[in-house]
Structures are given as structure tokens and as C-alpha cells.
Amino acid sequence: MLKYWADHSQVTVVSVGYRLAPEHPYPAGNEDCFDVGEYLVDHSEKDYGAPLLFMGGDSAGGHLSVVTCYHLLKTRASFAFKGLILNYGAFDISGFMPQAWTFDLPLVLDVQIMQKFIRHPLV
């Protein structure tokens, strides 16, 4: 998807190769995203010819985009995104919608697997 956007639009696409658990436990991945976000806010206009406008991700990348956005609100208070592109991230792990409990087809990540991940967020 990133290659498609880079090839078919007039945007520069940056993909963050953040560190993954268990080799690099939490908060290593978050810190990598924070560092890249701060760098892009501070230098993207000079380095890429345009300011940072959008950020997003899929699944864990969607979650990391949200926590990075909140981090930038604290560390770069005068900065604001034009938008976030968030695809099926884990944004609220306080519960599940009723559909998650009654969905009839097999899922890669069903409620039981997600509950296991929620109990072990620091792995």
C-alpha cells in the first residue's frame, strides 16, 4: 500500500521500521515511532520539501500512530496533523463490541486471542 501511495500520488511516504518484542520489549517500538515523528515534525520540510501532514498505520501501526500523535501533542505543541489514516488498530482494549462475541466465521484474531494479548502487553 505504501509503495502504491508513493508511486501514484504526490506525497513522500516514510515507513518506520520500529523494534519488535520480544527481542525489544515495550516501550522500544513506541520510542522509535516517537523519535521518527519528532524528527519529521522538525525536519521534513527541509529534508522532503513539505511539512509532515498525515500519519497512519495498520493494526499495530495504527495503534503506534495514535500513541505517537499523543506524544507529539505533548512534545511539539504547536504542531498539528491534517489527518490520521488508521486501519483496524487496537484503540480501545477496555472491551469488545457484541459482534466480536457472536461472529460466526473463524477469525485470525478472535476474542480469546485478543484477550490473551491484552493480558500480556509488555511482551
PDB file of N, CA and C in Angstrom:
ATOM      1  N   MET A   1       0.835  -1.191   0.000  1.00  0.00           N
ATOM      2  CA  MET A   1       0.000   0.000   0.000  1.00  0.00           C
ATOM      3  C   MET A   1       0.878   1.253   0.000  1.00  0.00           C
ATOM      4  N   LEU A   2       1.928   1.239   0.806  1.00  0.00           N
ATOM      5  CA  LEU A   2       2.805   2.413   0.855  1.00  0.00           C
ATOM      6  C   LEU A   2       3.466   2.670  -0.492  1.00  0.00           C
ATOM      7  N   LYS A   3       3.903   1.609  -1.159  1.00  0.00           N
ATOM      8  CA  LYS A   3       4.508   1.764  -2.486  1.00  0.00           C
ATOM      9  C   LYS A   3       3.499   2.334  -3.473  1.00  0.00           C
ATOM     10  N   TYR A   4       2.265   1.871  -3.386  1.00  0.00           N
ATOM     11  CA  TYR A   4       1.222   2.395  -4.265  1.00  0.00           C
ATOM     12  C   TYR A   4       1.040   3.896  -4.042  1.00  0.00           C
ATOM     13  N   TRP A   5       0.939   4.309  -2.774  1.00  0.00           N
ATOM     14  CA  TRP A   5       0.780   5.744  -2.488  1.00  0.00           C
ATOM     15  C   TRP A   5       1.981   6.537  -3.005  1.00  0.00           C
ATOM     16  N   ALA A   6       3.167   6.020  -2.782  1.00  0.00           N
ATOM     17  CA  ALA A   6       4.363   6.718  -3.239  1.00  0.00           C
ATOM     18  C   ALA A   6       4.406   6.818  -4.757  1.00  0.00           C
ATOM     19  N   ASP A   7       3.985   5.752  -5.450  1.00  0.00           N
ATOM     20  CA  ASP A   7       4.033   5.733  -6.912  1.00  0.00           C
ATOM     21  C   ASP A   7       2.900   6.506  -7.581  1.00  0.00           C
ATOM     22  N   HIS A   8       1.746   6.657  -6.908  1.00  0.00           N
ATOM     23  CA  HIS A   8       0.565   7.211  -7.552  1.00  0.00           C
ATOM     24  C   HIS A   8       0.047   8.515  -6.940  1.00  0.00           C
ATOM     25  N   SER A   9       0.817   9.117  -6.105  1.00  0.00           N
ATOM     26  CA  SER A   9       0.387  10.394  -5.519  1.00  0.00           C
ATOM     27  C   SER A   9       1.602  11.313  -5.390  1.00  0.00           C
ATOM     28  N   GLN A  10       1.332  12.497  -5.054  1.00  0.00           N
ATOM     29  CA  GLN A  10       2.419  13.466  -4.901  1.00  0.00           C
ATOM     30  C   GLN A  10       2.760  13.637  -3.424  1.00  0.00           C
ATOM     31  N   VAL A  11       3.040  12.512  -2.779  1.00  0.00           N
ATOM     32  CA  VAL A  11       3.425  12.540  -1.375  1.00  0.00           C
ATOM     33  C   VAL A  11       4.705  11.733  -1.187  1.00  0.00           C
ATOM     34  N   THR A  12       5.440  12.097  -0.181  1.00  0.00           N
ATOM     35  CA  THR A  12       6.580  11.305   0.249  1.00  0.00           C
ATOM     36  C   THR A  12       6.093  10.374   1.348  1.00  0.00           C
ATOM     37  N   VAL A  13       6.411   9.112   1.226  1.00  0.00           N
ATOM     38  CA  VAL A  13       5.966   8.108   2.183  1.00  0.00           C
ATOM     39  C   VAL A  13       7.171   7.659   2.996  1.00  0.00           C
ATOM     40  N   VAL A  14       7.027   7.674   4.308  1.00  0.00           N
ATOM     41  CA  VAL A  14       8.069   7.207   5.215  1.00  0.00           C
ATOM     42  C   VAL A  14       7.499   6.042   6.011  1.00  0.00           C
ATOM     43  N   SER A  15       8.202   4.939   6.025  1.00  0.00           N
ATOM     44  CA  SER A  15       7.789   3.773   6.801  1.00  0.00           C
ATOM     45  C   SER A  15       8.780   3.576   7.938  1.00  0.00           C
ATOM     46  N   VAL A  16       8.272   3.404   9.138  1.00  0.00           N
ATOM     47  CA  VAL A  16       9.125   3.269  10.315  1.00  0.00           C
ATOM     48  C   VAL A  16       9.354   1.787  10.608  1.00  0.00           C
ATOM     49  N   GLY A  17      10.594   1.384  10.608  1.00  0.00           N
ATOM     50  CA  GLY A  17      10.954   0.019  10.984  1.00  0.00           C
ATOM     51  C   GLY A  17      11.207  -0.031  12.486  1.00  0.00           C
ATOM     52  N   TYR A  18      10.129   0.027  13.255  1.00  0.00           N
ATOM     53  CA  TYR A  18      10.262   0.074  14.711  1.00  0.00           C
ATOM     54  C   TYR A  18      10.655  -1.307  15.256  1.00  0.00           C
ATOM     55  N   ARG A  19      11.314  -1.279  16.415  1.00  0.00           N
ATOM     56  CA  ARG A  19      11.756  -2.515  17.063  1.00  0.00           C
ATOM     57  C   ARG A  19      10.560  -3.310  17.582  1.00  0.00           C
ATOM     58  N   LEU A  20      10.685  -4.635  17.497  1.00  0.00           N
ATOM     59  CA  LEU A  20       9.595  -5.534  17.856  1.00  0.00           C
ATOM     60  C   LEU A  20       9.942  -6.357  19.095  1.00  0.00           C
ATOM     61  N   ALA A  21       8.907  -6.638  19.888  1.00  0.00           N
ATOM     62  CA  ALA A  21       9.054  -7.561  21.008  1.00  0.00           C
ATOM     63  C   ALA A  21       9.057  -8.983  20.432  1.00  0.00           C
ATOM     64  N   PRO A  22       9.600  -9.952  21.096  1.00  0.00           N
ATOM     65  CA  PRO A  22      10.164  -9.904  22.440  1.00  0.00           C
ATOM     66  C   PRO A  22      11.631  -9.487  22.483  1.00  0.00           C
ATOM     67  N   GLU A  23      12.287  -9.432  21.316  1.00  0.00           N
ATOM     68  CA  GLU A  23      13.705  -9.030  21.325  1.00  0.00           C
ATOM     69  C   GLU A  23      13.891  -7.635  21.897  1.00  0.00           C
ATOM     70  N   HIS A  24      12.937  -6.766  21.638  1.00  0.00           N
ATOM     71  CA  HIS A  24      12.988  -5.377  22.103  1.00  0.00           C
ATOM     72  C   HIS A  24      11.675  -5.062  22.812  1.00  0.00           C
ATOM     73  N   PRO A  25      11.597  -5.329  24.123  1.00  0.00           N
ATOM     74  CA  PRO A  25      10.329  -5.142  24.849  1.00  0.00           C
ATOM     75  C   PRO A  25       9.851  -3.697  24.861  1.00  0.00           C
ATOM     76  N   TYR A  26       8.556  -3.556  25.165  1.00  0.00           N
ATOM     77  CA  TYR A  26       7.951  -2.251  25.360  1.00  0.00           C
ATOM     78  C   TYR A  26       8.813  -1.456  26.336  1.00  0.00           C
ATOM     79  N   PRO A  27       9.031  -0.182  26.074  1.00  0.00           N
ATOM     80  CA  PRO A  27       8.434   0.708  25.073  1.00  0.00           C
ATOM     81  C   PRO A  27       9.313   0.967  23.853  1.00  0.00           C
ATOM     82  N   ALA A  28      10.194   0.030  23.486  1.00  0.00           N
ATOM     83  CA  ALA A  28      11.142   0.269  22.399  1.00  0.00           C
ATOM     84  C   ALA A  28      10.455   0.682  21.100  1.00  0.00           C
ATOM     85  N   GLY A  29       9.410  -0.032  20.685  1.00  0.00           N
ATOM     86  CA  GLY A  29       8.711   0.312  19.442  1.00  0.00           C
ATOM     87  C   GLY A  29       8.081   1.689  19.500  1.00  0.00           C
ATOM     88  N   ASN A  30       7.468   2.010  20.629  1.00  0.00           N
ATOM     89  CA  ASN A  30       6.888   3.348  20.809  1.00  0.00           C
ATOM     90  C   ASN A  30       7.962   4.425  20.680  1.00  0.00           C
ATOM     91  N   GLU A  31       9.085   4.204  21.356  1.00  0.00           N
ATOM     92  CA  GLU A  31      10.163   5.203  21.332  1.00  0.00           C
ATOM     93  C   GLU A  31      10.693   5.422  19.925  1.00  0.00           C
ATOM     94  N   ASP A  32      10.798   4.349  19.130  1.00  0.00           N
ATOM     95  CA  ASP A  32      11.240   4.501  17.737  1.00  0.00           C
ATOM     96  C   ASP A  32      10.283   5.394  16.959  1.00  0.00           C
ATOM     97  N   CYS A  33       8.992   5.160  17.136  1.00  0.00           N
ATOM     98  CA  CYS A  33       7.981   5.970  16.440  1.00  0.00           C
ATOM     99  C   CYS A  33       8.001   7.416  16.935  1.00  0.00           C
ATOM    100  N   PHE A  34       8.179   7.615  18.233  1.00  0.00           N
ATOM    101  CA  PHE A  34       8.266   8.978  18.782  1.00  0.00           C
ATOM    102  C   PHE A  34       9.446   9.711  18.163  1.00  0.00           C
ATOM    103  N   ASP A  35      10.592   9.035  18.096  1.00  0.00           N
ATOM    104  CA  ASP A  35      11.793   9.662  17.536  1.00  0.00           C
ATOM    105  C   ASP A  35      11.591  10.066  16.080  1.00  0.00           C
ATOM    106  N   VAL A  36      11.007   9.172  15.288  1.00  0.00           N
ATOM    107  CA  VAL A  36      10.763   9.480  13.872  1.00  0.00           C
ATOM    108  C   VAL A  36       9.738  10.603  13.742  1.00  0.00           C
ATOM    109  N   GLY A  37       8.681  10.550  14.539  1.00  0.00           N
ATOM    110  CA  GLY A  37       7.671  11.611  14.500  1.00  0.00           C
ATOM    111  C   GLY A  37       8.265  12.975  14.821  1.00  0.00           C
ATOM    112  N   GLU A  38       9.051  13.042  15.880  1.00  0.00           N
ATOM    113  CA  GLU A  38       9.681  14.318  16.249  1.00  0.00           C
ATOM    114  C   GLU A  38      10.628  14.795  15.150  1.00  0.00           C
ATOM    115  N   TYR A  39      11.410  13.860  14.592  1.00  0.00           N
ATOM    116  CA  TYR A  39      12.332  14.242  13.523  1.00  0.00           C
ATOM    117  C   TYR A  39      11.561  14.803  12.323  1.00  0.00           C
ATOM    118  N   LEU A  40      10.482  14.143  11.934  1.00  0.00           N
ATOM    119  CA  LEU A  40       9.724  14.604  10.770  1.00  0.00           C
ATOM    120  C   LEU A  40       9.042  15.945  11.030  1.00  0.00           C
ATOM    121  N   VAL A  41       8.524  16.142  12.224  1.00  0.00           N
ATOM    122  CA  VAL A  41       7.934  17.451  12.541  1.00  0.00           C
ATOM    123  C   VAL A  41       9.003  18.532  12.405  1.00  0.00           C
ATOM    124  N   ASP A  42      10.190  18.254  12.909  1.00  0.00           N
ATOM    125  CA  ASP A  42      11.257  19.254  12.935  1.00  0.00           C
ATOM    126  C   ASP A  42      11.978  19.429  11.603  1.00  0.00           C
ATOM    127  N   HIS A  43      12.045  18.373  10.759  1.00  0.00           N
ATOM    128  CA  HIS A  43      12.933  18.422   9.593  1.00  0.00           C
ATOM    129  C   HIS A  43      12.309  18.068   8.253  1.00  0.00           C
ATOM    130  N   SER A  44      11.055  17.637   8.208  1.00  0.00           N
ATOM    131  CA  SER A  44      10.524  17.141   6.933  1.00  0.00           C
ATOM    132  C   SER A  44      10.443  18.216   5.855  1.00  0.00           C
ATOM    133  N   GLU A  45      10.161  19.435   6.242  1.00  0.00           N
ATOM    134  CA  GLU A  45      10.091  20.493   5.226  1.00  0.00           C
ATOM    135  C   GLU A  45      11.455  20.687   4.561  1.00  0.00           C
ATOM    136  N   LYS A  46      12.493  20.693   5.359  1.00  0.00           N
ATOM    137  CA  LYS A  46      13.856  20.849   4.817  1.00  0.00           C
ATOM    138  C   LYS A  46      14.285  19.598   4.053  1.00  0.00           C
ATOM    139  N   ASP A  47      14.044  18.416   4.629  1.00  0.00           N
ATOM    140  CA  ASP A  47      14.526  17.172   4.032  1.00  0.00           C
ATOM    141  C   ASP A  47      13.678  16.678   2.861  1.00  0.00           C
ATOM    142  N   TYR A  48      12.359  16.907   2.921  1.00  0.00           N
ATOM    143  CA  TYR A  48      11.455  16.349   1.905  1.00  0.00           C
ATOM    144  C   TYR A  48      10.677  17.399   1.121  1.00  0.00           C
ATOM    145  N   GLY A  49      10.851  18.660   1.447  1.00  0.00           N
ATOM    146  CA  GLY A  49      10.199  19.722   0.695  1.00  0.00           C
ATOM    147  C   GLY A  49       8.768  20.020   1.097  1.00  0.00           C
ATOM    148  N   ALA A  50       8.301  19.412   2.159  1.00  0.00           N
ATOM    149  CA  ALA A  50       6.930  19.650   2.630  1.00  0.00           C
ATOM    150  C   ALA A  50       6.853  19.275   4.108  1.00  0.00           C
ATOM    151  N   PRO A  51       5.950  19.914   4.838  1.00  0.00           N
ATOM    152  CA  PRO A  51       5.793  19.554   6.252  1.00  0.00           C
ATOM    153  C   PRO A  51       5.101  18.199   6.406  1.00  0.00           C
ATOM    154  N   LEU A  52       5.243  17.616   7.568  1.00  0.00           N
ATOM    155  CA  LEU A  52       4.519  16.399   7.897  1.00  0.00           C
ATOM    156  C   LEU A  52       3.039  16.744   7.983  1.00  0.00           C
ATOM    157  N   LEU A  53       2.217  16.051   7.219  1.00  0.00           N
ATOM    158  CA  LEU A  53       0.791  16.346   7.178  1.00  0.00           C
ATOM    159  C   LEU A  53      -0.069  15.221   7.739  1.00  0.00           C
ATOM    160  N   PHE A  54       0.264  13.981   7.397  1.00  0.00           N
ATOM    161  CA  PHE A  54      -0.546  12.830   7.767  1.00  0.00           C
ATOM    162  C   PHE A  54       0.337  11.759   8.407  1.00  0.00           C
ATOM    163  N   MET A  55      -0.301  10.931   9.198  1.00  0.00           N
ATOM    164  CA  MET A  55       0.373   9.776   9.758  1.00  0.00           C
ATOM    165  C   MET A  55      -0.663   8.672   9.865  1.00  0.00           C
ATOM    166  N   GLY A  56      -0.216   7.443   9.740  1.00  0.00           N
ATOM    167  CA  GLY A  56      -1.164   6.359   9.867  1.00  0.00           C
ATOM    168  C   GLY A  56      -0.492   5.020   9.919  1.00  0.00           C
ATOM    169  N   GLY A  57      -1.315   3.999  10.042  1.00  0.00           N
ATOM    170  CA  GLY A  57      -0.806   2.647  10.074  1.00  0.00           C
ATOM    171  C   GLY A  57      -1.931   1.643  10.153  1.00  0.00           C
ATOM    172  N   ASP A  58      -1.549   0.388   9.978  1.00  0.00           N
ATOM    173  CA  ASP A  58      -2.484  -0.730  10.045  1.00  0.00           C
ATOM    174  C   ASP A  58      -2.179  -1.548  11.293  1.00  0.00           C
ATOM    175  N   SER A  59      -3.220  -1.987  11.976  1.00  0.00           N
ATOM    176  CA  SER A  59      -3.093  -2.873  13.123  1.00  0.00           C
ATOM    177  C   SER A  59      -2.184  -2.254  14.181  1.00  0.00           C
ATOM    178  N   ALA A  60      -1.056  -2.893  14.492  1.00  0.00           N
ATOM    179  CA  ALA A  60      -0.138  -2.315  15.495  1.00  0.00           C
ATOM    180  C   ALA A  60       0.345  -0.941  15.045  1.00  0.00           C
ATOM    181  N   GLY A  61       0.528  -0.760  13.744  1.00  0.00           N
ATOM    182  CA  GLY A  61       0.945   0.539  13.226  1.00  0.00           C
ATOM    183  C   GLY A  61      -0.104   1.616  13.444  1.00  0.00           C
ATOM    184  N   GLY A  62      -1.375   1.243  13.397  1.00  0.00           N
ATOM    185  CA  GLY A  62      -2.446   2.190  13.715  1.00  0.00           C
ATOM    186  C   GLY A  62      -2.382   2.608  15.166  1.00  0.00           C
ATOM    187  N   HIS A  63      -2.184   1.628  16.042  1.00  0.00           N
ATOM    188  CA  HIS A  63      -2.043   1.927  17.472  1.00  0.00           C
ATOM    189  C   HIS A  63      -0.831   2.819  17.710  1.00  0.00           C
ATOM    190  N   LEU A  64       0.305   2.475  17.110  1.00  0.00           N
ATOM    191  CA  LEU A  64       1.522   3.272  17.298  1.00  0.00           C
ATOM    192  C   LEU A  64       1.358   4.680  16.736  1.00  0.00           C
ATOM    193  N   SER A  65       0.593   4.823  15.670  1.00  0.00           N
ATOM    194  CA  SER A  65       0.329   6.160  15.135  1.00  0.00           C
ATOM    195  C   SER A  65      -0.446   7.010  16.132  1.00  0.00           C
ATOM    196  N   VAL A  66      -1.424   6.408  16.797  1.00  0.00           N
ATOM    197  CA  VAL A  66      -2.212   7.155  17.786  1.00  0.00           C
ATOM    198  C   VAL A  66      -1.339   7.560  18.974  1.00  0.00           C
ATOM    199  N   VAL A  67      -0.550   6.620  19.511  1.00  0.00           N
ATOM    200  CA  VAL A  67       0.268   6.987  20.676  1.00  0.00           C
ATOM    201  C   VAL A  67       1.348   7.995  20.278  1.00  0.00           C
ATOM    202  N   THR A  68       1.840   7.913  19.041  1.00  0.00           N
ATOM    203  CA  THR A  68       2.806   8.908  18.565  1.00  0.00           C
ATOM    204  C   THR A  68       2.146  10.268  18.421  1.00  0.00           C
ATOM    205  N   CYS A  69       0.922  10.294  17.933  1.00  0.00           N
ATOM    206  CA  CYS A  69       0.182  11.550  17.820  1.00  0.00           C
ATOM    207  C   CYS A  69       0.042  12.203  19.193  1.00  0.00           C
ATOM    208  N   TYR A  70      -0.353  11.431  20.203  1.00  0.00           N
ATOM    209  CA  TYR A  70      -0.470  11.972  21.561  1.00  0.00           C
ATOM    210  C   TYR A  70       0.885  12.451  22.086  1.00  0.00           C
ATOM    211  N   HIS A  71       1.924  11.700  21.778  1.00  0.00           N
ATOM    212  CA  HIS A  71       3.266  12.121  22.192  1.00  0.00           C
ATOM    213  C   HIS A  71       3.633  13.467  21.563  1.00  0.00           C
ATOM    214  N   LEU A  72       3.350  13.619  20.275  1.00  0.00           N
ATOM    215  CA  LEU A  72       3.678  14.874  19.585  1.00  0.00           C
ATOM    216  C   LEU A  72       2.845  16.044  20.111  1.00  0.00           C
ATOM    217  N   LEU A  73       1.631  15.778  20.560  1.00  0.00           N
ATOM    218  CA  LEU A  73       0.830  16.850  21.170  1.00  0.00           C
ATOM    219  C   LEU A  73       1.515  17.414  22.403  1.00  0.00           C
ATOM    220  N   LYS A  74       2.260  16.550  23.116  1.00  0.00           N
ATOM    221  CA  LYS A  74       2.981  16.999  24.308  1.00  0.00           C
ATOM    222  C   LYS A  74       4.320  17.633  23.970  1.00  0.00           C
ATOM    223  N   THR A  75       5.064  17.027  23.030  1.00  0.00           N
ATOM    224  CA  THR A  75       6.436  17.486  22.771  1.00  0.00           C
ATOM    225  C   THR A  75       6.537  18.544  21.675  1.00  0.00           C
ATOM    226  N   ARG A  76       5.554  18.637  20.817  1.00  0.00           N
ATOM    227  CA  ARG A  76       5.549  19.613  19.711  1.00  0.00           C
ATOM    228  C   ARG A  76       4.177  20.287  19.697  1.00  0.00           C
ATOM    229  N   ALA A  77       3.898  21.044  20.751  1.00  0.00           N
ATOM    230  CA  ALA A  77       2.548  21.578  20.985  1.00  0.00           C
ATOM    231  C   ALA A  77       2.035  22.469  19.860  1.00  0.00           C
ATOM    232  N   SER A  78       2.912  23.107  19.111  1.00  0.00           N
ATOM    233  CA  SER A  78       2.456  23.993  18.029  1.00  0.00           C
ATOM    234  C   SER A  78       2.176  23.229  16.734  1.00  0.00           C
ATOM    235  N   PHE A  79       2.480  21.935  16.696  1.00  0.00           N
ATOM    236  CA  PHE A  79       2.286  21.118  15.505  1.00  0.00           C
ATOM    237  C   PHE A  79       0.885  20.524  15.488  1.00  0.00           C
ATOM    238  N   ALA A  80       0.319  20.370  14.300  1.00  0.00           N
ATOM    239  CA  ALA A  80      -0.973  19.695  14.146  1.00  0.00           C
ATOM    240  C   ALA A  80      -0.986  18.938  12.826  1.00  0.00           C
ATOM    241  N   PHE A  81      -1.463  17.696  12.860  1.00  0.00           N
ATOM    242  CA  PHE A  81      -1.637  16.916  11.642  1.00  0.00           C
ATOM    243  C   PHE A  81      -2.831  17.426  10.857  1.00  0.00           C
ATOM    244  N   LYS A  82      -2.837  17.163   9.554  1.00  0.00           N
ATOM    245  CA  LYS A  82      -4.028  17.387   8.736  1.00  0.00           C
ATOM    246  C   LYS A  82      -4.963  16.194   8.859  1.00  0.00           C
ATOM    247  N   GLY A  83      -4.392  15.037   9.205  1.00  0.00           N
ATOM    248  CA  GLY A  83      -5.231  13.865   9.380  1.00  0.00           C
ATOM    249  C   GLY A  83      -4.437  12.646   9.780  1.00  0.00           C
ATOM    250  N   LEU A  84      -5.161  11.663  10.290  1.00  0.00           N
ATOM    251  CA  LEU A  84      -4.601  10.359  10.630  1.00  0.00           C
ATOM    252  C   LEU A  84      -5.301   9.308   9.791  1.00  0.00           C
ATOM    253  N   ILE A  85      -4.541   8.342   9.289  1.00  0.00           N
ATOM    254  CA  ILE A  85      -5.085   7.255   8.483  1.00  0.00           C
ATOM    255  C   ILE A  85      -4.884   5.978   9.296  1.00  0.00           C
ATOM    256  N   LEU A  86      -5.935   5.543   9.964  1.00  0.00           N
ATOM    257  CA  LEU A  86      -5.828   4.455  10.932  1.00  0.00           C
ATOM    258  C   LEU A  86      -6.689   3.275  10.494  1.00  0.00           C
ATOM    259  N   ASN A  87      -6.046   2.140  10.269  1.00  0.00           N
ATOM    260  CA  ASN A  87      -6.750   0.947   9.811  1.00  0.00           C
ATOM    261  C   ASN A  87      -6.687  -0.150  10.859  1.00  0.00           C
ATOM    262  N   TYR A  88      -7.849  -0.532  11.369  1.00  0.00           N
ATOM    263  CA  TYR A  88      -8.045  -1.615  12.330  1.00  0.00           C
ATOM    264  C   TYR A  88      -6.958  -1.719  13.391  1.00  0.00           C
ATOM    265  N   GLY A  89      -6.693  -0.629  14.055  1.00  0.00           N
ATOM    266  CA  GLY A  89      -5.742  -0.635  15.158  1.00  0.00           C
ATOM    267  C   GLY A  89      -6.415  -0.984  16.467  1.00  0.00           C
ATOM    268  N   ALA A  90      -5.603  -1.281  17.465  1.00  0.00           N
ATOM    269  CA  ALA A  90      -6.119  -1.560  18.815  1.00  0.00           C
ATOM    270  C   ALA A  90      -6.193  -0.226  19.553  1.00  0.00           C
ATOM    271  N   PHE A  91      -7.356   0.424  19.473  1.00  0.00           N
ATOM    272  CA  PHE A  91      -7.504   1.761  20.040  1.00  0.00           C
ATOM    273  C   PHE A  91      -8.199   1.756  21.389  1.00  0.00           C
ATOM    274  N   ASP A  92      -9.016   0.743  21.643  1.00  0.00           N
ATOM    275  CA  ASP A  92      -9.731   0.669  22.911  1.00  0.00           C
ATOM    276  C   ASP A  92      -9.787  -0.793  23.322  1.00  0.00           C
ATOM    277  N   ILE A  93      -8.993  -1.153  24.315  1.00  0.00           N
ATOM    278  CA  ILE A  93      -8.969  -2.547  24.736  1.00  0.00           C
ATOM    279  C   ILE A  93      -9.749  -2.753  26.034  1.00  0.00           C
ATOM    280  N   SER A  94     -10.666  -1.831  26.327  1.00  0.00           N
ATOM    281  CA  SER A  94     -11.453  -1.941  27.548  1.00  0.00           C
ATOM    282  C   SER A  94     -12.600  -2.943  27.412  1.00  0.00           C
ATOM    283  N   GLY A  95     -12.903  -3.342  26.216  1.00  0.00           N
ATOM    284  CA  GLY A  95     -13.995  -4.287  25.997  1.00  0.00           C
ATOM    285  C   GLY A  95     -14.156  -4.572  24.524  1.00  0.00           C
ATOM    286  N   PHE A  96     -15.112  -5.391  24.189  1.00  0.00           N
ATOM    287  CA  PHE A  96     -15.356  -5.750  22.800  1.00  0.00           C
ATOM    288  C   PHE A  96     -16.800  -5.457  22.447  1.00  0.00           C
ATOM    289  N   MET A  97     -17.028  -5.087  21.216  1.00  0.00           N
ATOM    290  CA  MET A  97     -18.388  -4.878  20.742  1.00  0.00           C
ATOM    291  C   MET A  97     -19.102  -6.226  20.703  1.00  0.00           C
ATOM    292  N   PRO A  98     -20.431  -6.240  20.795  1.00  0.00           N
ATOM    293  CA  PRO A  98     -21.179  -7.507  20.806  1.00  0.00           C
ATOM    294  C   PRO A  98     -20.874  -8.398  19.598  1.00  0.00           C
ATOM    295  N   GLN A  99     -20.596  -7.804  18.457  1.00  0.00           N
ATOM    296  CA  GLN A  99     -20.326  -8.589  17.253  1.00  0.00           C
ATOM    297  C   GLN A  99     -19.101  -9.483  17.432  1.00  0.00           C
ATOM    298  N   ALA A 100     -18.120  -9.039  18.220  1.00  0.00           N
ATOM    299  CA  ALA A 100     -16.915  -9.835  18.420  1.00  0.00           C
ATOM    300  C   ALA A 100     -17.234 -11.161  19.104  1.00  0.00           C
ATOM    301  N   TRP A 101     -18.230 -11.167  19.964  1.00  0.00           N
ATOM    302  CA  TRP A 101     -18.585 -12.370  20.716  1.00  0.00           C
ATOM    303  C   TRP A 101     -19.470 -13.320  19.913  1.00  0.00           C
ATOM    304  N   THR A 102     -20.177 -12.798  18.927  1.00  0.00           N
ATOM    305  CA  THR A 102     -21.165 -13.627  18.219  1.00  0.00           C
ATOM    306  C   THR A 102     -20.832 -13.859  16.752  1.00  0.00           C
ATOM    307  N   PHE A 103     -19.676 -13.418  16.269  1.00  0.00           N
ATOM    308  CA  PHE A 103     -19.310 -13.587  14.864  1.00  0.00           C
ATOM    309  C   PHE A 103     -19.176 -15.074  14.556  1.00  0.00           C
ATOM    310  N   ASP A 104     -19.835 -15.549  13.465  1.00  0.00           N
ATOM    311  CA  ASP A 104     -19.928 -16.981  13.181  1.00  0.00           C
ATOM    312  C   ASP A 104     -18.718 -17.573  12.465  1.00  0.00           C
ATOM    313  N   LEU A 105     -17.980 -16.774  11.733  1.00  0.00           N
ATOM    314  CA  LEU A 105     -16.873 -17.306  10.939  1.00  0.00           C
ATOM    315  C   LEU A 105     -15.575 -17.315  11.751  1.00  0.00           C
ATOM    316  N   PRO A 106     -14.661 -18.232  11.427  1.00  0.00           N
ATOM    317  CA  PRO A 106     -13.381 -18.243  12.158  1.00  0.00           C
ATOM    318  C   PRO A 106     -12.563 -16.992  11.822  1.00  0.00           C
ATOM    319  N   LEU A 107     -11.927 -16.453  12.838  1.00  0.00           N
ATOM    320  CA  LEU A 107     -11.109 -15.259  12.677  1.00  0.00           C
ATOM    321  C   LEU A 107      -9.662 -15.559  13.046  1.00  0.00           C
ATOM    322  N   VAL A 108      -8.738 -14.853  12.431  1.00  0.00           N
ATOM    323  CA  VAL A 108      -7.338 -14.997  12.806  1.00  0.00           C
ATOM    324  C   VAL A 108      -7.147 -14.493  14.233  1.00  0.00           C
ATOM    325  N   LEU A 109      -7.750 -13.354  14.542  1.00  0.00           N
ATOM    326  CA  LEU A 109      -7.685 -12.780  15.883  1.00  0.00           C
ATOM    327  C   LEU A 109      -9.090 -12.763  16.465  1.00  0.00           C
ATOM    328  N   ASP A 110      -9.445 -13.817  17.162  1.00  0.00           N
ATOM    329  CA  ASP A 110     -10.766 -13.842  17.786  1.00  0.00           C
ATOM    330  C   ASP A 110     -10.681 -13.246  19.194  1.00  0.00           C
ATOM    331  N   VAL A 111     -11.807 -13.200  19.893  1.00  0.00           N
ATOM    332  CA  VAL A 111     -11.868 -12.559  21.208  1.00  0.00           C
ATOM    333  C   VAL A 111     -10.896 -13.209  22.183  1.00  0.00           C
ATOM    334  N   GLN A 112     -10.830 -14.542  22.183  1.00  0.00           N
ATOM    335  CA  GLN A 112      -9.957 -15.227  23.128  1.00  0.00           C
ATOM    336  C   GLN A 112      -8.482 -14.887  22.890  1.00  0.00           C
ATOM    337  N   ILE A 113      -8.069 -14.841  21.639  1.00  0.00           N
ATOM    338  CA  ILE A 113      -6.679 -14.485  21.328  1.00  0.00           C
ATOM    339  C   ILE A 113      -6.415 -13.032  21.720  1.00  0.00           C
ATOM    340  N   MET A 114      -7.347 -12.141  21.414  1.00  0.00           N
ATOM    341  CA  MET A 114      -7.158 -10.734  21.773  1.00  0.00           C
ATOM    342  C   MET A 114      -7.089 -10.555  23.289  1.00  0.00           C
ATOM    343  N   GLN A 115      -7.897 -11.312  24.038  1.00  0.00           N
ATOM    344  CA  GLN A 115      -7.827 -11.222  25.495  1.00  0.00           C
ATOM    345  C   GLN A 115      -6.446 -11.648  25.996  1.00  0.00           C
ATOM    346  N   LYS A 116      -5.869 -12.654  25.371  1.00  0.00           N
ATOM    347  CA  LYS A 116      -4.514 -13.089  25.736  1.00  0.00           C
ATOM    348  C   LYS A 116      -3.513 -11.964  25.476  1.00  0.00           C
ATOM    349  N   PHE A 117      -3.600 -11.312  24.317  1.00  0.00           N
ATOM    350  CA  PHE A 117      -2.694 -10.215  24.007  1.00  0.00           C
ATOM    351  C   PHE A 117      -2.867  -9.048  24.978  1.00  0.00           C
ATOM    352  N   ILE A 118      -4.097  -8.759  25.353  1.00  0.00           N
ATOM    353  CA  ILE A 118      -4.370  -7.656  26.275  1.00  0.00           C
ATOM    354  C   ILE A 118      -3.750  -7.938  27.642  1.00  0.00           C
ATOM    355  N   ARG A 119      -3.772  -9.182  28.085  1.00  0.00           N
ATOM    356  CA  ARG A 119      -3.179  -9.538  29.382  1.00  0.00           C
ATOM    357  C   ARG A 119      -1.657  -9.473  29.360  1.00  0.00           C
ATOM    358  N   HIS A 120      -1.047  -9.470  28.179  1.00  0.00           N
ATOM    359  CA  HIS A 120       0.410  -9.522  28.055  1.00  0.00           C
ATOM    360  C   HIS A 120       0.943  -8.390  27.175  1.00  0.00           C
ATOM    361  N   PRO A 121       0.627  -7.133  27.477  1.00  0.00           N
ATOM    362  CA  PRO A 121       1.012  -6.041  26.570  1.00  0.00           C
ATOM    363  C   PRO A 121       2.498  -5.714  26.581  1.00  0.00           C
ATOM    364  N   LEU A 122       3.235  -6.171  27.574  1.00  0.00           N
ATOM    365  CA  LEU A 122       4.627  -5.774  27.689  1.00  0.00           C
ATOM    366  C   LEU A 122       5.592  -6.803  27.150  1.00  0.00           C
ATOM    367  N   VAL A 123       5.082  -7.862  26.516  1.00  0.00           N
ATOM    368  CA  VAL A 123       5.942  -8.901  25.971  1.00  0.00           C
ATOM    369  C   VAL A 123       6.654  -8.387  24.745  1.00  0.00           C
TER     370      VAL A 123
END
